[in-house]
PDB file of N, CA and C in Angstrom:
ATOM      1  N   MET A   1     -18.535  -8.304 -20.428  1.00  0.00           N
ATOM      2  CA  MET A   1     -19.734  -7.785 -19.881  1.00  0.00           C
ATOM      3  C   MET A   1     -20.642  -8.543 -20.295  1.00  0.00           C
ATOM      4  N   PRO A   2     -21.386  -9.137 -19.219  1.00  0.00           N
ATOM      5  CA  PRO A   2     -22.655  -9.566 -19.489  1.00  0.00           C
ATOM      6  C   PRO A   2     -23.911  -8.688 -19.658  1.00  0.00           C
ATOM      7  N   LEU A   3     -24.782  -9.002 -20.549  1.00  0.00           N
ATOM      8  CA  LEU A   3     -25.715  -8.519 -21.207  1.00  0.00           C
ATOM      9  C   LEU A   3     -27.051  -8.479 -20.186  1.00  0.00           C
ATOM     10  N   THR A   4     -27.583  -7.787 -19.834  1.00  0.00           N
ATOM     11  CA  THR A   4     -28.847  -7.010 -19.258  1.00  0.00           C
ATOM     12  C   THR A   4     -29.895  -7.585 -19.847  1.00  0.00           C
ATOM     13  N   PRO A   5     -30.859  -8.039 -19.355  1.00  0.00           N
ATOM     14  CA  PRO A   5     -32.345  -8.409 -20.087  1.00  0.00           C
ATOM     15  C   PRO A   5     -32.745  -6.629 -19.935  1.00  0.00           C
ATOM     16  N   PRO A   6     -33.369  -6.758 -21.181  1.00  0.00           N
ATOM     17  CA  PRO A   6     -34.673  -5.337 -21.283  1.00  0.00           C
ATOM     18  C   PRO A   6     -35.448  -5.462 -20.148  1.00  0.00           C
ATOM     19  N   SER A   7     -35.479  -4.071 -20.092  1.00  0.00           N
ATOM     20  CA  SER A   7     -36.657  -3.893 -19.091  1.00  0.00           C
ATOM     21  C   SER A   7     -38.391  -3.920 -19.710  1.00  0.00           C
ATOM     22  N   ASP A   8     -39.229  -4.026 -18.809  1.00  0.00           N
ATOM     23  CA  ASP A   8     -40.450  -4.364 -19.759  1.00  0.00           C
ATOM     24  C   ASP A   8     -41.208  -3.004 -20.713  1.00  0.00           C
ATOM     25  N   ALA A   9     -40.464  -2.120 -20.298  1.00  0.00           N
ATOM     26  CA  ALA A   9     -41.169  -0.686 -21.417  1.00  0.00           C
ATOM     27  C   ALA A   9     -39.873  -1.181 -22.757  1.00  0.00           C
ATOM     28  N   GLU A  10     -38.865  -1.365 -22.803  1.00  0.00           N
ATOM     29  CA  GLU A  10     -38.180  -1.488 -23.669  1.00  0.00           C
ATOM     30  C   GLU A  10     -38.459  -2.840 -24.799  1.00  0.00           C
ATOM     31  N   LEU A  11     -39.329  -3.758 -23.846  1.00  0.00           N
ATOM     32  CA  LEU A  11     -39.568  -5.086 -24.353  1.00  0.00           C
ATOM     33  C   LEU A  11     -41.257  -4.254 -25.385  1.00  0.00           C
ATOM     34  N   ASP A  12     -41.978  -3.547 -24.441  1.00  0.00           N
ATOM     35  CA  ASP A  12     -43.318  -3.285 -24.979  1.00  0.00           C
ATOM     36  C   ASP A  12     -43.085  -1.811 -26.315  1.00  0.00           C
ATOM     37  N   ILE A  13     -41.587  -1.445 -26.360  1.00  0.00           N
ATOM     38  CA  ILE A  13     -41.329  -0.810 -27.248  1.00  0.00           C
ATOM     39  C   ILE A  13     -41.072  -1.598 -28.857  1.00  0.00           C
ATOM     40  N   MET A  14     -39.921  -2.669 -28.431  1.00  0.00           N
ATOM     41  CA  MET A  14     -39.717  -3.871 -29.829  1.00  0.00           C
ATOM     42  C   MET A  14     -41.380  -4.433 -30.097  1.00  0.00           C
ATOM     43  N   ILE A  15     -41.999  -4.826 -28.779  1.00  0.00           N
ATOM     44  CA  ILE A  15     -43.233  -5.580 -29.624  1.00  0.00           C
ATOM     45  C   ILE A  15     -44.092  -4.869 -30.335  1.00  0.00           C
ATOM     46  N   ARG A  16     -44.312  -3.273 -29.996  1.00  0.00           N
ATOM     47  CA  ARG A  16     -45.112  -2.500 -30.288  1.00  0.00           C
ATOM     48  C   ARG A  16     -44.760  -2.210 -32.256  1.00  0.00           C
ATOM     49  N   ALA A  17     -43.074  -1.903 -32.192  1.00  0.00           N
ATOM     50  CA  ALA A  17     -42.800  -1.809 -33.170  1.00  0.00           C
ATOM     51  C   ALA A  17     -42.650  -2.954 -34.402  1.00  0.00           C
ATOM     52  N   ARG A  18     -42.396  -4.110 -34.005  1.00  0.00           N
ATOM     53  CA  ARG A  18     -42.630  -5.415 -34.519  1.00  0.00           C
ATOM     54  C   ARG A  18     -43.810  -5.517 -35.399  1.00  0.00           C
ATOM     55  N   LEU A  19     -44.933  -5.406 -34.154  1.00  0.00           N
ATOM     56  CA  LEU A  19     -46.276  -5.415 -34.814  1.00  0.00           C
ATOM     57  C   LEU A  19     -47.053  -4.618 -36.006  1.00  0.00           C
ATOM     58  N   ALA A  20     -46.497  -3.170 -35.178  1.00  0.00           N
ATOM     59  CA  ALA A  20     -46.643  -2.206 -36.353  1.00  0.00           C
ATOM     60  C   ALA A  20     -46.126  -2.613 -37.682  1.00  0.00           C
ATOM     61  N   SER A  21     -44.744  -3.006 -37.735  1.00  0.00           N
ATOM     62  CA  SER A  21     -43.960  -3.470 -38.895  1.00  0.00           C
ATOM     63  C   SER A  21     -45.143  -4.681 -39.608  1.00  0.00           C
ATOM     64  N   LEU A  22     -45.339  -5.459 -39.139  1.00  0.00           N
ATOM     65  CA  LEU A  22     -46.807  -6.352 -40.056  1.00  0.00           C
ATOM     66  C   LEU A  22     -48.206  -5.780 -39.701  1.00  0.00           C
ATOM     67  N   GLY A  23     -48.364  -4.429 -39.523  1.00  0.00           N
ATOM     68  CA  GLY A  23     -49.988  -3.944 -39.505  1.00  0.00           C
ATOM     69  C   GLY A  23     -50.977  -4.336 -38.521  1.00  0.00           C
ATOM     70  N   ILE A  24     -50.595  -4.349 -37.248  1.00  0.00           N
ATOM     71  CA  ILE A  24     -50.956  -4.599 -36.198  1.00  0.00           C
ATOM     72  C   ILE A  24     -50.701  -3.756 -35.439  1.00  0.00           C
ATOM     73  N   ASP A  25     -51.779  -3.033 -34.890  1.00  0.00           N
ATOM     74  CA  ASP A  25     -51.811  -1.814 -34.352  1.00  0.00           C
ATOM     75  C   ASP A  25     -52.579  -2.655 -32.989  1.00  0.00           C
ATOM     76  N   LEU A  26     -51.859  -2.198 -31.577  1.00  0.00           N
ATOM     77  CA  LEU A  26     -52.400  -2.768 -30.163  1.00  0.00           C
ATOM     78  C   LEU A  26     -53.456  -1.760 -29.491  1.00  0.00           C
ATOM     79  N   ASN A  27     -53.342  -0.526 -30.500  1.00  0.00           N
ATOM     80  CA  ASN A  27     -54.522   0.415 -29.705  1.00  0.00           C
ATOM     81  C   ASN A  27     -55.788   0.316 -30.087  1.00  0.00           C
ATOM     82  N   GLN A  28     -56.302  -1.019 -30.973  1.00  0.00           N
ATOM     83  CA  GLN A  28     -57.182  -1.186 -31.438  1.00  0.00           C
ATOM     84  C   GLN A  28     -57.673  -2.051 -30.374  1.00  0.00           C
ATOM     85  N   LEU A  29     -57.306  -2.598 -29.250  1.00  0.00           N
ATOM     86  CA  LEU A  29     -57.827  -3.487 -28.265  1.00  0.00           C
ATOM     87  C   LEU A  29     -58.395  -2.495 -27.325  1.00  0.00           C
ATOM     88  N   PRO A  30     -59.304  -2.860 -26.196  1.00  0.00           N
ATOM     89  CA  PRO A  30     -59.257  -1.876 -25.398  1.00  0.00           C
ATOM     90  C   PRO A  30     -58.103  -1.701 -24.493  1.00  0.00           C
ATOM     91  N   ALA A  31     -58.398  -0.646 -23.800  1.00  0.00           N
ATOM     92  CA  ALA A  31     -57.152  -0.434 -22.873  1.00  0.00           C
ATOM     93  C   ALA A  31     -57.200  -1.350 -21.545  1.00  0.00           C
ATOM     94  N   GLY A  32     -56.123  -1.491 -20.586  1.00  0.00           N
ATOM     95  CA  GLY A  32     -56.198  -2.132 -19.383  1.00  0.00           C
ATOM     96  C   GLY A  32     -56.009  -3.826 -19.932  1.00  0.00           C
ATOM     97  N   THR A  33     -56.291  -4.369 -18.720  1.00  0.00           N
ATOM     98  CA  THR A  33     -55.864  -5.975 -18.683  1.00  0.00           C
ATOM     99  C   THR A  33     -57.585  -6.470 -18.991  1.00  0.00           C
ATOM    100  N   ALA A  34     -59.058  -6.050 -18.839  1.00  0.00           N
ATOM    101  CA  ALA A  34     -59.848  -6.239 -18.904  1.00  0.00           C
ATOM    102  C   ALA A  34     -60.190  -6.613 -20.573  1.00  0.00           C
ATOM    103  N   SER A  35     -61.086  -7.814 -21.022  1.00  0.00           N
ATOM    104  CA  SER A  35     -61.185  -8.094 -22.274  1.00  0.00           C
ATOM    105  C   SER A  35     -62.600  -7.482 -22.607  1.00  0.00           C
ATOM    106  N   ASP A  36     -62.874  -7.180 -23.833  1.00  0.00           N
ATOM    107  CA  ASP A  36     -63.719  -6.583 -24.510  1.00  0.00           C
ATOM    108  C   ASP A  36     -65.340  -7.395 -24.421  1.00  0.00           C
ATOM    109  N   PRO A  37     -66.621  -7.019 -23.849  1.00  0.00           N
ATOM    110  CA  PRO A  37     -67.707  -8.103 -23.360  1.00  0.00           C
ATOM    111  C   PRO A  37     -67.843  -8.497 -24.531  1.00  0.00           C
ATOM    112  N   GLU A  38     -68.250  -7.387 -25.463  1.00  0.00           N
ATOM    113  CA  GLU A  38     -68.874  -7.898 -26.845  1.00  0.00           C
ATOM    114  C   GLU A  38     -67.986  -8.645 -28.047  1.00  0.00           C
ATOM    115  N   THR A  39     -66.857  -8.360 -27.843  1.00  0.00           N
ATOM    116  CA  THR A  39     -65.876  -9.321 -29.071  1.00  0.00           C
ATOM    117  C   THR A  39     -65.153 -10.225 -28.359  1.00  0.00           C
ATOM    118  N   GLY A  40     -64.827 -10.117 -26.933  1.00  0.00           N
ATOM    119  CA  GLY A  40     -63.970 -11.039 -26.148  1.00  0.00           C
ATOM    120  C   GLY A  40     -62.468 -10.918 -26.654  1.00  0.00           C
ATOM    121  N   SER A  41     -62.085  -9.688 -27.264  1.00  0.00           N
ATOM    122  CA  SER A  41     -60.825  -9.508 -27.321  1.00  0.00           C
ATOM    123  C   SER A  41     -59.914  -9.146 -26.055  1.00  0.00           C
ATOM    124  N   PRO A  42     -58.532  -9.547 -26.069  1.00  0.00           N
ATOM    125  CA  PRO A  42     -57.894  -8.972 -25.158  1.00  0.00           C
ATOM    126  C   PRO A  42     -57.901  -7.872 -24.388  1.00  0.00           C
ATOM    127  N   GLY A  43     -57.049  -7.146 -23.637  1.00  0.00           N
ATOM    128  CA  GLY A  43     -57.164  -6.177 -23.105  1.00  0.00           C
ATOM    129  C   GLY A  43     -55.409  -5.811 -23.674  1.00  0.00           C
ATOM    130  N   GLN A  44     -55.122  -4.459 -23.839  1.00  0.00           N
ATOM    131  CA  GLN A  44     -53.253  -4.480 -24.635  1.00  0.00           C
ATOM    132  C   GLN A  44     -52.423  -4.876 -23.113  1.00  0.00           C
ATOM    133  N   ALA A  45     -53.046  -4.166 -22.027  1.00  0.00           N
ATOM    134  CA  ALA A  45     -51.919  -4.698 -21.160  1.00  0.00           C
ATOM    135  C   ALA A  45     -51.818  -6.036 -21.156  1.00  0.00           C
ATOM    136  N   SER A  46     -52.820  -6.990 -21.012  1.00  0.00           N
ATOM    137  CA  SER A  46     -52.595  -8.433 -21.287  1.00  0.00           C
ATOM    138  C   SER A  46     -52.016  -9.292 -22.240  1.00  0.00           C
ATOM    139  N   VAL A  47     -52.504  -8.662 -23.334  1.00  0.00           N
ATOM    140  CA  VAL A  47     -51.686  -9.102 -24.661  1.00  0.00           C
ATOM    141  C   VAL A  47     -50.266  -8.604 -24.631  1.00  0.00           C
ATOM    142  N   LEU A  48     -49.623  -7.719 -24.281  1.00  0.00           N
ATOM    143  CA  LEU A  48     -48.056  -7.086 -24.005  1.00  0.00           C
ATOM    144  C   LEU A  48     -47.604  -7.841 -23.047  1.00  0.00           C
ATOM    145  N   ALA A  49     -48.249  -8.047 -21.888  1.00  0.00           N
ATOM    146  CA  ALA A  49     -47.749  -9.225 -20.965  1.00  0.00           C
ATOM    147  C   ALA A  49     -47.653 -10.648 -21.250  1.00  0.00           C
ATOM    148  N   SER A  50     -48.642 -10.974 -21.856  1.00  0.00           N
ATOM    149  CA  SER A  50     -48.193 -12.125 -22.586  1.00  0.00           C
ATOM    150  C   SER A  50     -47.042 -12.260 -23.612  1.00  0.00           C
ATOM    151  N   LEU A  51     -46.900 -11.054 -24.571  1.00  0.00           N
ATOM    152  CA  LEU A  51     -45.867 -11.027 -25.754  1.00  0.00           C
ATOM    153  C   LEU A  51     -44.281 -11.040 -25.047  1.00  0.00           C
ATOM    154  N   ARG A  52     -44.490 -10.311 -23.947  1.00  0.00           N
ATOM    155  CA  ARG A  52     -43.275  -9.969 -22.995  1.00  0.00           C
ATOM    156  C   ARG A  52     -42.680 -11.346 -22.135  1.00  0.00           C
ATOM    157  N   SER A  53     -43.857 -12.115 -21.899  1.00  0.00           N
ATOM    158  CA  SER A  53     -43.852 -13.424 -21.858  1.00  0.00           C
ATOM    159  C   SER A  53     -42.688 -14.640 -22.543  1.00  0.00           C
ATOM    160  N   PHE A  54     -43.335 -14.081 -23.959  1.00  0.00           N
ATOM    161  CA  PHE A  54     -43.171 -15.267 -24.785  1.00  0.00           C
ATOM    162  C   PHE A  54     -41.694 -14.435 -25.127  1.00  0.00           C
ATOM    163  N   MET A  55     -41.083 -13.165 -25.405  1.00  0.00           N
ATOM    164  CA  MET A  55     -39.956 -13.385 -25.387  1.00  0.00           C
ATOM    165  C   MET A  55     -38.822 -13.160 -24.528  1.00  0.00           C
ATOM    166  N   ARG A  56     -39.101 -13.450 -23.629  1.00  0.00           N
ATOM    167  CA  ARG A  56     -38.331 -13.892 -22.417  1.00  0.00           C
ATOM    168  C   ARG A  56     -37.946 -15.131 -22.202  1.00  0.00           C
ATOM    169  N   THR A  57     -38.553 -15.769 -22.728  1.00  0.00           N
ATOM    170  CA  THR A  57     -38.994 -17.504 -22.134  1.00  0.00           C
ATOM    171  C   THR A  57     -38.760 -18.271 -23.759  1.00  0.00           C
ATOM    172  N   THR A  58     -39.576 -18.289 -25.014  1.00  0.00           N
ATOM    173  CA  THR A  58     -39.168 -18.807 -25.905  1.00  0.00           C
ATOM    174  C   THR A  58     -38.256 -18.507 -26.753  1.00  0.00           C
ATOM    175  N   VAL A  59     -37.903 -17.127 -26.942  1.00  0.00           N
ATOM    176  CA  VAL A  59     -37.446 -16.617 -28.045  1.00  0.00           C
ATOM    177  C   VAL A  59     -35.885 -16.936 -27.939  1.00  0.00           C
ATOM    178  N   ALA A  60     -35.686 -17.197 -26.778  1.00  0.00           N
ATOM    179  CA  ALA A  60     -34.074 -17.161 -25.928  1.00  0.00           C
ATOM    180  C   ALA A  60     -34.084 -18.598 -25.962  1.00  0.00           C
ATOM    181  N   GLU A  61     -34.914 -19.269 -25.874  1.00  0.00           N
ATOM    182  CA  GLU A  61     -34.614 -20.692 -25.910  1.00  0.00           C
ATOM    183  C   GLU A  61     -34.058 -21.001 -27.373  1.00  0.00           C
ATOM    184  N   LEU A  62     -35.367 -20.762 -28.274  1.00  0.00           N
ATOM    185  CA  LEU A  62     -35.107 -21.134 -29.798  1.00  0.00           C
ATOM    186  C   LEU A  62     -33.595 -20.569 -30.206  1.00  0.00           C
ATOM    187  N   SER A  63     -33.153 -19.232 -29.869  1.00  0.00           N
ATOM    188  CA  SER A  63     -31.793 -18.835 -30.250  1.00  0.00           C
ATOM    189  C   SER A  63     -30.907 -19.587 -29.795  1.00  0.00           C
ATOM    190  N   ALA A  64     -30.780 -19.930 -28.292  1.00  0.00           N
ATOM    191  CA  ALA A  64     -29.732 -20.982 -27.996  1.00  0.00           C
ATOM    192  C   ALA A  64     -29.747 -22.388 -28.677  1.00  0.00           C
ATOM    193  N   TYR A  65     -30.781 -22.868 -29.626  1.00  0.00           N
ATOM    194  CA  TYR A  65     -30.403 -24.090 -30.297  1.00  0.00           C
ATOM    195  C   TYR A  65     -29.682 -24.077 -31.297  1.00  0.00           C
ATOM    196  N   GLN A  66     -28.869 -25.429 -31.300  1.00  0.00           N
ATOM    197  CA  GLN A  66     -28.155 -25.864 -32.301  1.00  0.00           C
ATOM    198  C   GLN A  66     -28.629 -27.007 -32.953  1.00  0.00           C
ATOM    199  N   VAL A  67     -28.160 -27.158 -34.019  1.00  0.00           N
ATOM    200  CA  VAL A  67     -28.128 -28.305 -34.793  1.00  0.00           C
ATOM    201  C   VAL A  67     -27.031 -29.519 -34.409  1.00  0.00           C
ATOM    202  N   PRO A  68     -27.937 -30.438 -34.333  1.00  0.00           N
ATOM    203  CA  PRO A  68     -27.231 -31.582 -33.367  1.00  0.00           C
ATOM    204  C   PRO A  68     -25.995 -32.581 -34.932  1.00  0.00           C
ATOM    205  N   PHE A  69     -24.660 -32.345 -34.453  1.00  0.00           N
ATOM    206  CA  PHE A  69     -24.017 -32.852 -35.485  1.00  0.00           C
ATOM    207  C   PHE A  69     -23.045 -33.986 -34.695  1.00  0.00           C
ATOM    208  N   ALA A  70     -22.736 -34.924 -35.398  1.00  0.00           N
ATOM    209  CA  ALA A  70     -22.138 -36.068 -34.850  1.00  0.00           C
ATOM    210  C   ALA A  70     -20.718 -35.934 -36.027  1.00  0.00           C
ATOM    211  N   GLY A  71     -19.810 -35.347 -35.250  1.00  0.00           N
ATOM    212  CA  GLY A  71     -18.865 -35.076 -35.693  1.00  0.00           C
ATOM    213  C   GLY A  71     -17.638 -35.997 -35.554  1.00  0.00           C
ATOM    214  N   ALA A  72     -16.278 -35.855 -35.804  1.00  0.00           N
ATOM    215  CA  ALA A  72     -15.409 -37.330 -35.196  1.00  0.00           C
ATOM    216  C   ALA A  72     -15.240 -36.751 -33.395  1.00  0.00           C
ATOM    217  N   ALA A  73     -15.537 -35.484 -33.398  1.00  0.00           N
ATOM    218  CA  ALA A  73     -15.424 -35.265 -31.573  1.00  0.00           C
ATOM    219  C   ALA A  73     -16.361 -35.288 -31.102  1.00  0.00           C
ATOM    220  N   GLY A  74     -17.518 -35.490 -31.675  1.00  0.00           N
ATOM    221  CA  GLY A  74     -19.236 -35.786 -31.497  1.00  0.00           C
ATOM    222  C   GLY A  74     -19.578 -34.559 -31.097  1.00  0.00           C
ATOM    223  N   THR A  75     -18.884 -33.651 -31.326  1.00  0.00           N
ATOM    224  CA  THR A  75     -19.737 -31.802 -31.065  1.00  0.00           C
ATOM    225  C   THR A  75     -19.864 -31.321 -32.464  1.00  0.00           C
ATOM    226  N   ALA A  76     -20.933 -30.243 -32.312  1.00  0.00           N
ATOM    227  CA  ALA A  76     -20.877 -29.424 -33.344  1.00  0.00           C
ATOM    228  C   ALA A  76     -20.064 -28.770 -33.811  1.00  0.00           C
ATOM    229  N   ASP A  77     -20.019 -28.518 -35.231  1.00  0.00           N
ATOM    230  CA  ASP A  77     -18.686 -27.637 -35.815  1.00  0.00           C
ATOM    231  C   ASP A  77     -19.618 -26.688 -36.271  1.00  0.00           C
ATOM    232  N   PRO A  78     -19.598 -25.652 -35.809  1.00  0.00           N
ATOM    233  CA  PRO A  78     -20.196 -23.929 -36.180  1.00  0.00           C
ATOM    234  C   PRO A  78     -19.705 -23.614 -37.380  1.00  0.00           C
ATOM    235  N   ALA A  79     -18.826 -23.694 -38.032  1.00  0.00           N
ATOM    236  CA  ALA A  79     -18.333 -23.425 -39.001  1.00  0.00           C
ATOM    237  C   ALA A  79     -19.115 -24.493 -40.133  1.00  0.00           C
ATOM    238  N   LEU A  80     -19.007 -25.933 -39.908  1.00  0.00           N
ATOM    239  CA  LEU A  80     -19.352 -26.407 -40.862  1.00  0.00           C
ATOM    240  C   LEU A  80     -21.002 -26.224 -41.001  1.00  0.00           C
ATOM    241  N   LEU A  81     -21.469 -26.323 -40.172  1.00  0.00           N
ATOM    242  CA  LEU A  81     -23.212 -26.029 -40.122  1.00  0.00           C
ATOM    243  C   LEU A  81     -23.135 -24.757 -40.497  1.00  0.00           C
ATOM    244  N   SER A  82     -22.864 -23.722 -40.625  1.00  0.00           N
ATOM    245  CA  SER A  82     -23.312 -22.376 -41.099  1.00  0.00           C
ATOM    246  C   SER A  82     -22.563 -22.476 -42.353  1.00  0.00           C
ATOM    247  N   GLN A  83     -22.136 -23.127 -42.982  1.00  0.00           N
ATOM    248  CA  GLN A  83     -22.144 -22.740 -44.673  1.00  0.00           C
ATOM    249  C   GLN A  83     -22.855 -23.886 -45.265  1.00  0.00           C
ATOM    250  N   GLN A  84     -23.673 -23.040 -46.441  1.00  0.00           N
ATOM    251  CA  GLN A  84     -24.001 -24.050 -47.231  1.00  0.00           C
ATOM    252  C   GLN A  84     -23.424 -24.023 -48.594  1.00  0.00           C
ATOM    253  N   ALA A  85     -23.089 -25.017 -49.349  1.00  0.00           N
ATOM    254  CA  ALA A  85     -22.158 -25.698 -50.259  1.00  0.00           C
ATOM    255  C   ALA A  85     -22.740 -25.056 -51.189  1.00  0.00           C
ATOM    256  N   ALA A  86     -23.768 -24.773 -51.700  1.00  0.00           N
ATOM    257  CA  ALA A  86     -24.188 -23.967 -52.938  1.00  0.00           C
ATOM    258  C   ALA A  86     -25.783 -23.282 -52.287  1.00  0.00           C
ATOM    259  N   PRO A  87     -25.957 -22.668 -52.600  1.00  0.00           N
ATOM    260  CA  PRO A  87     -27.394 -21.701 -52.843  1.00  0.00           C
ATOM    261  C   PRO A  87     -28.190 -21.997 -53.631  1.00  0.00           C
ATOM    262  N   PRO A  88     -29.709 -22.316 -53.020  1.00  0.00           N
ATOM    263  CA  PRO A  88     -30.657 -22.945 -53.618  1.00  0.00           C
ATOM    264  C   PRO A  88     -30.922 -22.604 -54.807  1.00  0.00           C
ATOM    265  N   ALA A  89     -30.999 -22.821 -56.275  1.00  0.00           N
ATOM    266  CA  ALA A  89     -30.949 -22.463 -57.362  1.00  0.00           C
ATOM    267  C   ALA A  89     -32.344 -23.096 -57.935  1.00  0.00           C
ATOM    268  N   LEU A  90     -33.161 -22.425 -59.050  1.00  0.00           N
ATOM    269  CA  LEU A  90     -34.227 -22.654 -59.764  1.00  0.00           C
ATOM    270  C   LEU A  90     -33.972 -24.114 -60.470  1.00  0.00           C
ATOM    271  N   TYR A  91     -32.757 -23.960 -61.270  1.00  0.00           N
ATOM    272  CA  TYR A  91     -32.417 -25.559 -62.064  1.00  0.00           C
ATOM    273  C   TYR A  91     -31.125 -25.859 -61.660  1.00  0.00           C
ATOM    274  N   PRO A  92     -30.886 -26.604 -60.646  1.00  0.00           N
ATOM    275  CA  PRO A  92     -29.656 -27.140 -59.764  1.00  0.00           C
ATOM    276  C   PRO A  92     -28.741 -27.575 -60.814  1.00  0.00           C
ATOM    277  N   SER A  93     -29.526 -28.366 -61.832  1.00  0.00           N
ATOM    278  CA  SER A  93     -28.763 -29.061 -62.789  1.00  0.00           C
ATOM    279  C   SER A  93     -27.805 -28.021 -63.456  1.00  0.00           C
ATOM    280  N   ILE A  94     -28.383 -26.889 -64.122  1.00  0.00           N
ATOM    281  CA  ILE A  94     -27.597 -26.160 -64.755  1.00  0.00           C
ATOM    282  C   ILE A  94     -26.578 -24.998 -63.890  1.00  0.00           C
ATOM    283  N   GLU A  95     -26.614 -25.018 -62.793  1.00  0.00           N
ATOM    284  CA  GLU A  95     -25.773 -24.420 -62.073  1.00  0.00           C
ATOM    285  C   GLU A  95     -24.477 -26.021 -62.003  1.00  0.00           C
ATOM    286  N   THR A  96     -25.133 -26.654 -61.633  1.00  0.00           N
ATOM    287  CA  THR A  96     -23.997 -27.572 -61.338  1.00  0.00           C
ATOM    288  C   THR A  96     -22.719 -27.831 -62.432  1.00  0.00           C
ATOM    289  N   ALA A  97     -23.519 -27.726 -63.600  1.00  0.00           N
ATOM    290  CA  ALA A  97     -22.921 -27.855 -64.617  1.00  0.00           C
ATOM    291  C   ALA A  97     -22.168 -27.067 -65.305  1.00  0.00           C
ATOM    292  N   ARG A  98     -22.271 -25.765 -64.543  1.00  0.00           N
ATOM    293  CA  ARG A  98     -21.593 -24.359 -65.009  1.00  0.00           C
ATOM    294  C   ARG A  98     -20.361 -24.512 -64.160  1.00  0.00           C
ATOM    295  N   ARG A  99     -20.738 -25.097 -62.676  1.00  0.00           N
ATOM    296  CA  ARG A  99     -19.494 -24.644 -61.856  1.00  0.00           C
ATOM    297  C   ARG A  99     -18.179 -25.883 -62.104  1.00  0.00           C
ATOM    298  N   THR A 100     -18.953 -26.957 -62.812  1.00  0.00           N
ATOM    299  CA  THR A 100     -18.123 -28.241 -62.617  1.00  0.00           C
ATOM    300  C   THR A 100     -17.295 -27.975 -64.208  1.00  0.00           C
ATOM    301  N   ALA A 101     -17.760 -27.126 -64.893  1.00  0.00           N
ATOM    302  CA  ALA A 101     -17.398 -27.115 -66.253  1.00  0.00           C
ATOM    303  C   ALA A 101     -16.108 -26.412 -66.624  1.00  0.00           C
TER     304      ALA A 101
END
């Protein structure tokens, strides 16, 4: 079943929720698309339109990125790329000694 792209209303809800989790309240901006003449702040509608455009284009491109890997077949091996040999450690020499002892 193919994925259906989110509607503008669904994206607005996601954007507002994500910004709220970061402490950003879009209600502080002037309503509509007109910017505030005193501060130059963009309107809520223009900010949401810009962020919807960003979510529909850039995020999809970034999520489709795959690290190039020159293996025997010349293609990326997702299993090899997704595994990390050892998690980062504050003192790697101690961790190496512990694993090899």
